[in-house]
């Protein structure tokens, strides 16, 4: 039998040894938990450390993180002036029924602008009789700034023990029993529990609607010097990734006014 001789590995001009159909995985600065997978690149290009940022729209709502440096904003709010109307016109033969899911508002660290925006959603839901599902973590109590808005359309408070408001809570049965087709999600944290709930809802065939104005991520971060407030640029960066994630998954991310108009 002929003896096979191993060929030397293929290398690029810069000395790299790429895998077949290689992809590049990179962690964006300040986001060690987020990995971007990019399509296969020409062999010599693999030596470049430059990774393009994910495509994202352009401007934050005026009241959100006003201290953020130019260029850190994430959503082109002027591009969706008729978002609510478009959603309603896309209903086809299925009648749409909305509900609000308020997630983990037991944390007192939620800033007043987000609380005020959530209150606008809840007030509209109360006025229209839209069901509100109040979901808190391990027996936590909803922030008093919001619990004072409790009305007859609010459902019995739901206690959760995991990220998603659907995991082991019975929320799916409650939503199904009311014939809900669309969920408006508000609360904390946008990139953890709100996103997990959105993913669960989408997996159940429900349409997901949200606004960056009615969600909040961690406002503090632990670094070598201890716990410190996150900068406006860091918070805007978190919004940028949430916006890109929601858009990729087909969720409806809208300005506050359009979200309220849905109800």
C-alpha atoms as a PDB file:
ATOM      1  CA  UNK A   1       0.000   0.000   0.000  1.00  0.00           C
ATOM      2  CA  UNK A   2       1.345   3.434  -0.919  1.00  0.00           C
ATOM      3  CA  UNK A   3       2.314   5.586   1.985  1.00  0.00           C
ATOM      4  CA  UNK A   4       0.526   8.924   2.226  1.00  0.00           C
ATOM      5  CA  UNK A   5       2.638  11.992   2.840  1.00  0.00           C
ATOM      6  CA  UNK A   6       1.033  14.830   4.816  1.00  0.00           C
ATOM      7  CA  UNK A   7       0.972  18.118   2.981  1.00  0.00           C
ATOM      8  CA  UNK A   8       2.224  21.210   4.831  1.00  0.00           C
ATOM      9  CA  UNK A   9      -0.540  23.432   6.226  1.00  0.00           C
ATOM     10  CA  UNK A  10      -1.828  26.233   4.021  1.00  0.00           C
ATOM     11  CA  UNK A  11      -0.718  29.604   5.353  1.00  0.00           C
ATOM     12  CA  UNK A  12      -1.447  33.195   4.500  1.00  0.00           C
ATOM     13  CA  UNK A  13       1.105  35.856   3.695  1.00  0.00           C
ATOM     14  CA  UNK A  14       0.991  36.856   7.351  1.00  0.00           C
ATOM     15  CA  UNK A  15       1.717  33.320   8.549  1.00  0.00           C
ATOM     16  CA  UNK A  16      -1.817  32.403   9.742  1.00  0.00           C
ATOM     17  CA  UNK A  17      -3.127  28.866   9.309  1.00  0.00           C
ATOM     18  CA  UNK A  18      -6.869  29.272   8.633  1.00  0.00           C
ATOM     19  CA  UNK A  19      -9.473  26.559   9.027  1.00  0.00           C
ATOM     20  CA  UNK A  20     -11.600  25.581   6.049  1.00  0.00           C
ATOM     21  CA  UNK A  21     -14.524  28.008   5.604  1.00  0.00           C
ATOM     22  CA  UNK A  22     -13.184  29.899   8.590  1.00  0.00           C
ATOM     23  CA  UNK A  23     -15.197  32.450  10.485  1.00  0.00           C
ATOM     24  CA  UNK A  24     -13.903  35.168  12.748  1.00  0.00           C
ATOM     25  CA  UNK A  25     -15.295  35.432  16.275  1.00  0.00           C
ATOM     26  CA  UNK A  26     -14.742  38.728  18.060  1.00  0.00           C
ATOM     27  CA  UNK A  27     -15.911  40.212  21.331  1.00  0.00           C
ATOM     28  CA  UNK A  28     -16.940  43.876  21.087  1.00  0.00           C
ATOM     29  CA  UNK A  29     -15.123  46.157  23.549  1.00  0.00           C
ATOM     30  CA  UNK A  30     -16.925  46.272  26.890  1.00  0.00           C
ATOM     31  CA  UNK A  31     -19.098  43.264  26.007  1.00  0.00           C
ATOM     32  CA  UNK A  32     -17.172  40.066  26.827  1.00  0.00           C
ATOM     33  CA  UNK A  33     -20.408  38.086  26.732  1.00  0.00           C
ATOM     34  CA  UNK A  34     -21.312  39.098  23.176  1.00  0.00           C
ATOM     35  CA  UNK A  35     -19.654  37.257  20.277  1.00  0.00           C
ATOM     36  CA  UNK A  36     -20.098  38.367  16.705  1.00  0.00           C
ATOM     37  CA  UNK A  37     -19.600  35.681  14.041  1.00  0.00           C
ATOM     38  CA  UNK A  38     -18.594  37.118  10.703  1.00  0.00           C
ATOM     39  CA  UNK A  39     -18.734  35.340   7.325  1.00  0.00           C
ATOM     40  CA  UNK A  40     -15.669  33.672   5.863  1.00  0.00           C
ATOM     41  CA  UNK A  41     -13.071  36.218   4.750  1.00  0.00           C
ATOM     42  CA  UNK A  42     -10.211  36.053   2.204  1.00  0.00           C
ATOM     43  CA  UNK A  43      -7.243  34.254   3.752  1.00  0.00           C
ATOM     44  CA  UNK A  44      -4.961  37.273   4.026  1.00  0.00           C
ATOM     45  CA  UNK A  45      -7.777  39.310   5.565  1.00  0.00           C
ATOM     46  CA  UNK A  46      -7.937  36.975   8.575  1.00  0.00           C
ATOM     47  CA  UNK A  47      -4.853  38.602  10.049  1.00  0.00           C
ATOM     48  CA  UNK A  48      -6.651  41.920  10.487  1.00  0.00           C
ATOM     49  CA  UNK A  49      -7.833  42.657  14.043  1.00  0.00           C
ATOM     50  CA  UNK A  50     -10.493  45.071  12.767  1.00  0.00           C
ATOM     51  CA  UNK A  51     -14.037  43.694  13.113  1.00  0.00           C
ATOM     52  CA  UNK A  52     -16.893  45.767  11.684  1.00  0.00           C
ATOM     53  CA  UNK A  53     -19.578  46.718  14.190  1.00  0.00           C
ATOM     54  CA  UNK A  54     -23.044  45.248  13.506  1.00  0.00           C
ATOM     55  CA  UNK A  55     -25.191  47.446  11.348  1.00  0.00           C
ATOM     56  CA  UNK A  56     -27.442  49.623  13.483  1.00  0.00           C
ATOM     57  CA  UNK A  57     -29.738  52.580  12.915  1.00  0.00           C
ATOM     58  CA  UNK A  58     -28.664  56.027  13.939  1.00  0.00           C
ATOM     59  CA  UNK A  59     -30.175  58.107  16.730  1.00  0.00           C
ATOM     60  CA  UNK A  60     -31.225  57.651  20.347  1.00  0.00           C
ATOM     61  CA  UNK A  61     -34.473  59.209  21.530  1.00  0.00           C
ATOM     62  CA  UNK A  62     -33.627  62.773  22.596  1.00  0.00           C
ATOM     63  CA  UNK A  63     -34.206  62.203  26.325  1.00  0.00           C
ATOM     64  CA  UNK A  64     -32.167  59.004  26.627  1.00  0.00           C
ATOM     65  CA  UNK A  65     -28.508  59.323  27.723  1.00  0.00           C
ATOM     66  CA  UNK A  66     -28.116  62.971  26.597  1.00  0.00           C
ATOM     67  CA  UNK A  67     -24.493  62.913  27.802  1.00  0.00           C
ATOM     68  CA  UNK A  68     -23.535  60.190  25.291  1.00  0.00           C
ATOM     69  CA  UNK A  69     -20.845  61.204  22.858  1.00  0.00           C
ATOM     70  CA  UNK A  70     -21.740  61.751  19.230  1.00  0.00           C
ATOM     71  CA  UNK A  71     -21.782  58.540  17.267  1.00  0.00           C
ATOM     72  CA  UNK A  72     -22.909  56.261  20.113  1.00  0.00           C
ATOM     73  CA  UNK A  73     -26.623  56.425  19.324  1.00  0.00           C
ATOM     74  CA  UNK A  74     -28.458  53.417  17.984  1.00  0.00           C
ATOM     75  CA  UNK A  75     -31.936  53.828  16.571  1.00  0.00           C
ATOM     76  CA  UNK A  76     -33.220  55.980  13.757  1.00  0.00           C
ATOM     77  CA  UNK A  77     -36.452  57.058  15.392  1.00  0.00           C
ATOM     78  CA  UNK A  78     -37.527  59.132  12.394  1.00  0.00           C
ATOM     79  CA  UNK A  79     -37.603  56.049  10.162  1.00  0.00           C
ATOM     80  CA  UNK A  80     -40.670  54.523  11.837  1.00  0.00           C
ATOM     81  CA  UNK A  81     -43.276  57.284  12.285  1.00  0.00           C
ATOM     82  CA  UNK A  82     -46.132  54.964  11.294  1.00  0.00           C
ATOM     83  CA  UNK A  83     -44.931  51.898  13.173  1.00  0.00           C
ATOM     84  CA  UNK A  84     -48.109  51.378  15.184  1.00  0.00           C
ATOM     85  CA  UNK A  85     -50.362  51.782  12.155  1.00  0.00           C
ATOM     86  CA  UNK A  86     -48.205  49.399  10.133  1.00  0.00           C
ATOM     87  CA  UNK A  87     -48.518  46.712  12.814  1.00  0.00           C
ATOM     88  CA  UNK A  88     -52.265  47.050  12.944  1.00  0.00           C
ATOM     89  CA  UNK A  89     -52.595  46.928   9.148  1.00  0.00           C
ATOM     90  CA  UNK A  90     -50.487  43.768   9.029  1.00  0.00           C
ATOM     91  CA  UNK A  91     -53.050  41.774  10.994  1.00  0.00           C
ATOM     92  CA  UNK A  92     -54.448  39.769   8.052  1.00  0.00           C
ATOM     93  CA  UNK A  93     -57.456  37.690   9.023  1.00  0.00           C
ATOM     94  CA  UNK A  94     -56.357  37.222  12.628  1.00  0.00           C
ATOM     95  CA  UNK A  95     -57.779  39.722  15.131  1.00  0.00           C
ATOM     96  CA  UNK A  96     -55.007  41.170  17.267  1.00  0.00           C
ATOM     97  CA  UNK A  97     -55.247  41.340  21.023  1.00  0.00           C
ATOM     98  CA  UNK A  98     -52.533  43.063  23.019  1.00  0.00           C
ATOM     99  CA  UNK A  99     -51.259  42.610  26.553  1.00  0.00           C
ATOM    100  CA  UNK A 100     -48.469  44.281  28.527  1.00  0.00           C
ATOM    101  CA  UNK A 101     -45.874  42.191  30.366  1.00  0.00           C
ATOM    102  CA  UNK A 102     -44.010  44.189  33.016  1.00  0.00           C
ATOM    103  CA  UNK A 103     -40.804  42.379  33.993  1.00  0.00           C
ATOM    104  CA  UNK A 104     -38.703  42.669  37.173  1.00  0.00           C
ATOM    105  CA  UNK A 105     -39.569  46.197  38.178  1.00  0.00           C
ATOM    106  CA  UNK A 106     -38.809  45.303  41.801  1.00  0.00           C
ATOM    107  CA  UNK A 107     -35.297  46.740  41.407  1.00  0.00           C
ATOM    108  CA  UNK A 108     -35.076  50.250  42.932  1.00  0.00           C
ATOM    109  CA  UNK A 109     -32.130  51.125  40.681  1.00  0.00           C
ATOM    110  CA  UNK A 110     -34.380  51.739  37.658  1.00  0.00           C
ATOM    111  CA  UNK A 111     -33.976  55.358  36.629  1.00  0.00           C
ATOM    112  CA  UNK A 112     -36.873  57.784  36.647  1.00  0.00           C
ATOM    113  CA  UNK A 113     -36.972  58.346  32.843  1.00  0.00           C
ATOM    114  CA  UNK A 114     -37.600  54.634  32.243  1.00  0.00           C
ATOM    115  CA  UNK A 115     -40.156  54.478  35.069  1.00  0.00           C
ATOM    116  CA  UNK A 116     -41.989  57.471  33.588  1.00  0.00           C
ATOM    117  CA  UNK A 117     -42.010  55.830  30.147  1.00  0.00           C
ATOM    118  CA  UNK A 118     -43.304  52.557  31.597  1.00  0.00           C
ATOM    119  CA  UNK A 119     -46.006  54.522  33.393  1.00  0.00           C
ATOM    120  CA  UNK A 120     -47.190  55.960  30.076  1.00  0.00           C
ATOM    121  CA  UNK A 121     -47.608  52.448  28.687  1.00  0.00           C
ATOM    122  CA  UNK A 122     -49.465  51.290  31.810  1.00  0.00           C
ATOM    123  CA  UNK A 123     -51.740  54.330  31.856  1.00  0.00           C
ATOM    124  CA  UNK A 124     -52.755  53.702  28.237  1.00  0.00           C
ATOM    125  CA  UNK A 125     -53.322  50.017  28.993  1.00  0.00           C
ATOM    126  CA  UNK A 126     -55.510  50.976  31.956  1.00  0.00           C
ATOM    127  CA  UNK A 127     -57.523  53.415  29.854  1.00  0.00           C
ATOM    128  CA  UNK A 128     -58.147  50.800  27.165  1.00  0.00           C
ATOM    129  CA  UNK A 129     -58.605  47.810  29.476  1.00  0.00           C
ATOM    130  CA  UNK A 130     -55.550  46.044  28.029  1.00  0.00           C
ATOM    131  CA  UNK A 131     -54.408  43.161  30.288  1.00  0.00           C
ATOM    132  CA  UNK A 132     -51.231  43.838  32.274  1.00  0.00           C
ATOM    133  CA  UNK A 133     -49.138  40.929  33.534  1.00  0.00           C
ATOM    134  CA  UNK A 134     -46.998  41.971  36.503  1.00  0.00           C
ATOM    135  CA  UNK A 135     -43.994  39.607  36.718  1.00  0.00           C
ATOM    136  CA  UNK A 136     -41.414  39.914  39.487  1.00  0.00           C
ATOM    137  CA  UNK A 137     -38.451  37.813  40.610  1.00  0.00           C
ATOM    138  CA  UNK A 138     -38.644  35.512  43.649  1.00  0.00           C
ATOM    139  CA  UNK A 139     -41.351  37.366  45.545  1.00  0.00           C
ATOM    140  CA  UNK A 140     -40.140  40.861  44.747  1.00  0.00           C
ATOM    141  CA  UNK A 141     -42.627  43.723  44.865  1.00  0.00           C
ATOM    142  CA  UNK A 142     -43.200  46.047  41.937  1.00  0.00           C
ATOM    143  CA  UNK A 143     -41.638  49.503  42.296  1.00  0.00           C
ATOM    144  CA  UNK A 144     -44.089  51.727  44.141  1.00  0.00           C
ATOM    145  CA  UNK A 145     -43.842  54.322  41.379  1.00  0.00           C
ATOM    146  CA  UNK A 146     -45.624  51.789  39.155  1.00  0.00           C
ATOM    147  CA  UNK A 147     -47.679  49.718  41.601  1.00  0.00           C
ATOM    148  CA  UNK A 148     -49.772  52.794  42.413  1.00  0.00           C
ATOM    149  CA  UNK A 149     -51.129  52.521  38.843  1.00  0.00           C
ATOM    150  CA  UNK A 150     -52.600  49.056  39.495  1.00  0.00           C
ATOM    151  CA  UNK A 151     -56.111  48.806  38.008  1.00  0.00           C
ATOM    152  CA  UNK A 152     -58.742  46.091  37.370  1.00  0.00           C
ATOM    153  CA  UNK A 153     -57.123  45.162  34.031  1.00  0.00           C
ATOM    154  CA  UNK A 154     -53.971  44.051  35.882  1.00  0.00           C
ATOM    155  CA  UNK A 155     -53.743  40.292  36.288  1.00  0.00           C
ATOM    156  CA  UNK A 156     -52.623  38.513  39.444  1.00  0.00           C
ATOM    157  CA  UNK A 157     -48.927  39.086  40.100  1.00  0.00           C
ATOM    158  CA  UNK A 158     -46.684  36.325  38.729  1.00  0.00           C
ATOM    159  CA  UNK A 159     -43.564  35.160  40.557  1.00  0.00           C
ATOM    160  CA  UNK A 160     -40.674  33.915  38.422  1.00  0.00           C
ATOM    161  CA  UNK A 161     -37.469  32.127  39.335  1.00  0.00           C
ATOM    162  CA  UNK A 162     -35.653  32.251  36.006  1.00  0.00           C
ATOM    163  CA  UNK A 163     -34.838  34.781  33.288  1.00  0.00           C
ATOM    164  CA  UNK A 164     -37.933  34.388  31.116  1.00  0.00           C
ATOM    165  CA  UNK A 165     -41.324  35.406  32.464  1.00  0.00           C
ATOM    166  CA  UNK A 166     -42.682  32.251  30.813  1.00  0.00           C
ATOM    167  CA  UNK A 167     -40.413  29.678  32.480  1.00  0.00           C
ATOM    168  CA  UNK A 168     -42.439  27.694  34.996  1.00  0.00           C
ATOM    169  CA  UNK A 169     -44.857  30.552  35.733  1.00  0.00           C
ATOM    170  CA  UNK A 170     -48.068  29.607  33.935  1.00  0.00           C
ATOM    171  CA  UNK A 171     -47.929  32.836  31.940  1.00  0.00           C
ATOM    172  CA  UNK A 172     -48.420  30.980  28.664  1.00  0.00           C
ATOM    173  CA  UNK A 173     -51.739  29.513  29.840  1.00  0.00           C
ATOM    174  CA  UNK A 174     -52.926  32.915  31.033  1.00  0.00           C
ATOM    175  CA  UNK A 175     -51.978  34.558  27.737  1.00  0.00           C
ATOM    176  CA  UNK A 176     -53.662  31.794  25.721  1.00  0.00           C
ATOM    177  CA  UNK A 177     -56.841  31.968  27.806  1.00  0.00           C
ATOM    178  CA  UNK A 178     -57.236  35.654  26.956  1.00  0.00           C
ATOM    179  CA  UNK A 179     -56.580  35.145  23.246  1.00  0.00           C
ATOM    180  CA  UNK A 180     -53.504  37.382  23.299  1.00  0.00           C
ATOM    181  CA  UNK A 181     -51.608  37.659  20.007  1.00  0.00           C
ATOM    182  CA  UNK A 182     -49.181  40.535  20.751  1.00  0.00           C
ATOM    183  CA  UNK A 183     -47.113  41.338  23.818  1.00  0.00           C
ATOM    184  CA  UNK A 184     -45.720  44.735  24.770  1.00  0.00           C
ATOM    185  CA  UNK A 185     -42.686  44.149  26.998  1.00  0.00           C
ATOM    186  CA  UNK A 186     -41.426  46.685  29.519  1.00  0.00           C
ATOM    187  CA  UNK A 187     -38.988  46.358  32.411  1.00  0.00           C
ATOM    188  CA  UNK A 188     -35.541  45.278  33.506  1.00  0.00           C
ATOM    189  CA  UNK A 189     -32.990  44.107  32.289  1.00  0.00           C
ATOM    190  CA  UNK A 190     -33.361  44.671  28.582  1.00  0.00           C
ATOM    191  CA  UNK A 191     -30.488  42.378  27.591  1.00  0.00           C
ATOM    192  CA  UNK A 192     -31.309  39.556  30.033  1.00  0.00           C
ATOM    193  CA  UNK A 193     -34.836  38.968  31.362  1.00  0.00           C
ATOM    194  CA  UNK A 194     -36.685  41.135  28.832  1.00  0.00           C
ATOM    195  CA  UNK A 195     -34.822  39.510  25.947  1.00  0.00           C
ATOM    196  CA  UNK A 196     -35.366  36.013  27.387  1.00  0.00           C
ATOM    197  CA  UNK A 197     -39.088  36.734  27.703  1.00  0.00           C
ATOM    198  CA  UNK A 198     -39.192  38.068  24.141  1.00  0.00           C
ATOM    199  CA  UNK A 199     -37.505  34.912  22.879  1.00  0.00           C
ATOM    200  CA  UNK A 200     -40.008  32.718  24.728  1.00  0.00           C
ATOM    201  CA  UNK A 201     -42.951  34.723  23.418  1.00  0.00           C
ATOM    202  CA  UNK A 202     -41.718  34.531  19.839  1.00  0.00           C
ATOM    203  CA  UNK A 203     -41.252  30.790  20.229  1.00  0.00           C
ATOM    204  CA  UNK A 204     -44.937  30.557  21.155  1.00  0.00           C
ATOM    205  CA  UNK A 205     -45.956  32.432  18.017  1.00  0.00           C
ATOM    206  CA  UNK A 206     -46.652  35.746  19.746  1.00  0.00           C
ATOM    207  CA  UNK A 207     -45.621  39.086  18.255  1.00  0.00           C
ATOM    208  CA  UNK A 208     -43.192  41.049  20.430  1.00  0.00           C
ATOM    209  CA  UNK A 209     -43.188  44.843  20.802  1.00  0.00           C
ATOM    210  CA  UNK A 210     -40.840  46.982  22.913  1.00  0.00           C
ATOM    211  CA  UNK A 211     -39.136  50.351  23.190  1.00  0.00           C
ATOM    212  CA  UNK A 212     -35.672  51.202  24.486  1.00  0.00           C
ATOM    213  CA  UNK A 213     -37.363  53.968  26.456  1.00  0.00           C
ATOM    214  CA  UNK A 214     -39.275  51.440  28.598  1.00  0.00           C
ATOM    215  CA  UNK A 215     -36.369  49.077  29.294  1.00  0.00           C
ATOM    216  CA  UNK A 216     -33.147  49.412  31.240  1.00  0.00           C
ATOM    217  CA  UNK A 217     -29.938  47.445  31.557  1.00  0.00           C
ATOM    218  CA  UNK A 218     -27.381  47.436  34.389  1.00  0.00           C
ATOM    219  CA  UNK A 219     -26.510  51.006  35.339  1.00  0.00           C
ATOM    220  CA  UNK A 220     -23.442  49.886  37.287  1.00  0.00           C
ATOM    221  CA  UNK A 221     -20.493  47.693  36.358  1.00  0.00           C
ATOM    222  CA  UNK A 222     -17.747  45.971  38.355  1.00  0.00           C
ATOM    223  CA  UNK A 223     -14.188  46.667  37.221  1.00  0.00           C
ATOM    224  CA  UNK A 224     -10.739  46.572  38.836  1.00  0.00           C
ATOM    225  CA  UNK A 225     -11.557  49.614  40.936  1.00  0.00           C
ATOM    226  CA  UNK A 226     -14.817  48.151  42.242  1.00  0.00           C
ATOM    227  CA  UNK A 227     -18.440  48.970  41.439  1.00  0.00           C
ATOM    228  CA  UNK A 228     -18.905  52.125  39.386  1.00  0.00           C
ATOM    229  CA  UNK A 229     -21.689  53.753  37.376  1.00  0.00           C
ATOM    230  CA  UNK A 230     -21.647  52.875  33.689  1.00  0.00           C
ATOM    231  CA  UNK A 231     -20.878  55.781  31.406  1.00  0.00           C
ATOM    232  CA  UNK A 232     -23.471  57.202  29.013  1.00  0.00           C
ATOM    233  CA  UNK A 233     -21.457  55.751  26.135  1.00  0.00           C
ATOM    234  CA  UNK A 234     -21.519  52.278  27.732  1.00  0.00           C
ATOM    235  CA  UNK A 235     -25.269  52.462  28.244  1.00  0.00           C
ATOM    236  CA  UNK A 236     -25.765  53.612  24.666  1.00  0.00           C
ATOM    237  CA  UNK A 237     -23.597  50.717  23.517  1.00  0.00           C
ATOM    238  CA  UNK A 238     -25.889  48.314  25.386  1.00  0.00           C
ATOM    239  CA  UNK A 239     -28.871  49.865  23.610  1.00  0.00           C
ATOM    240  CA  UNK A 240     -27.096  49.412  20.291  1.00  0.00           C
ATOM    241  CA  UNK A 241     -26.693  45.687  20.807  1.00  0.00           C
ATOM    242  CA  UNK A 242     -30.245  45.244  22.097  1.00  0.00           C
ATOM    243  CA  UNK A 243     -31.554  47.073  19.031  1.00  0.00           C
ATOM    244  CA  UNK A 244     -29.479  44.930  16.679  1.00  0.00           C
ATOM    245  CA  UNK A 245     -30.542  41.732  18.478  1.00  0.00           C
ATOM    246  CA  UNK A 246     -34.249  42.592  18.379  1.00  0.00           C
ATOM    247  CA  UNK A 247     -34.095  43.626  14.736  1.00  0.00           C
ATOM    248  CA  UNK A 248     -32.318  40.420  13.738  1.00  0.00           C
ATOM    249  CA  UNK A 249     -34.992  38.352  15.493  1.00  0.00           C
ATOM    250  CA  UNK A 250     -37.864  40.273  13.911  1.00  0.00           C
ATOM    251  CA  UNK A 251     -39.167  41.887  17.094  1.00  0.00           C
ATOM    252  CA  UNK A 252     -40.871  45.291  16.829  1.00  0.00           C
ATOM    253  CA  UNK A 253     -38.634  47.886  18.513  1.00  0.00           C
ATOM    254  CA  UNK A 254     -40.301  51.287  18.396  1.00  0.00           C
ATOM    255  CA  UNK A 255     -40.212  54.777  19.890  1.00  0.00           C
ATOM    256  CA  UNK A 256     -42.301  55.218  23.009  1.00  0.00           C
ATOM    257  CA  UNK A 257     -45.080  57.146  21.280  1.00  0.00           C
ATOM    258  CA  UNK A 258     -45.622  54.387  18.707  1.00  0.00           C
ATOM    259  CA  UNK A 259     -45.599  51.719  21.419  1.00  0.00           C
ATOM    260  CA  UNK A 260     -48.272  53.539  23.410  1.00  0.00           C
ATOM    261  CA  UNK A 261     -50.319  54.017  20.239  1.00  0.00           C
ATOM    262  CA  UNK A 262     -50.496  50.249  19.753  1.00  0.00           C
ATOM    263  CA  UNK A 263     -52.621  49.763  22.851  1.00  0.00           C
END
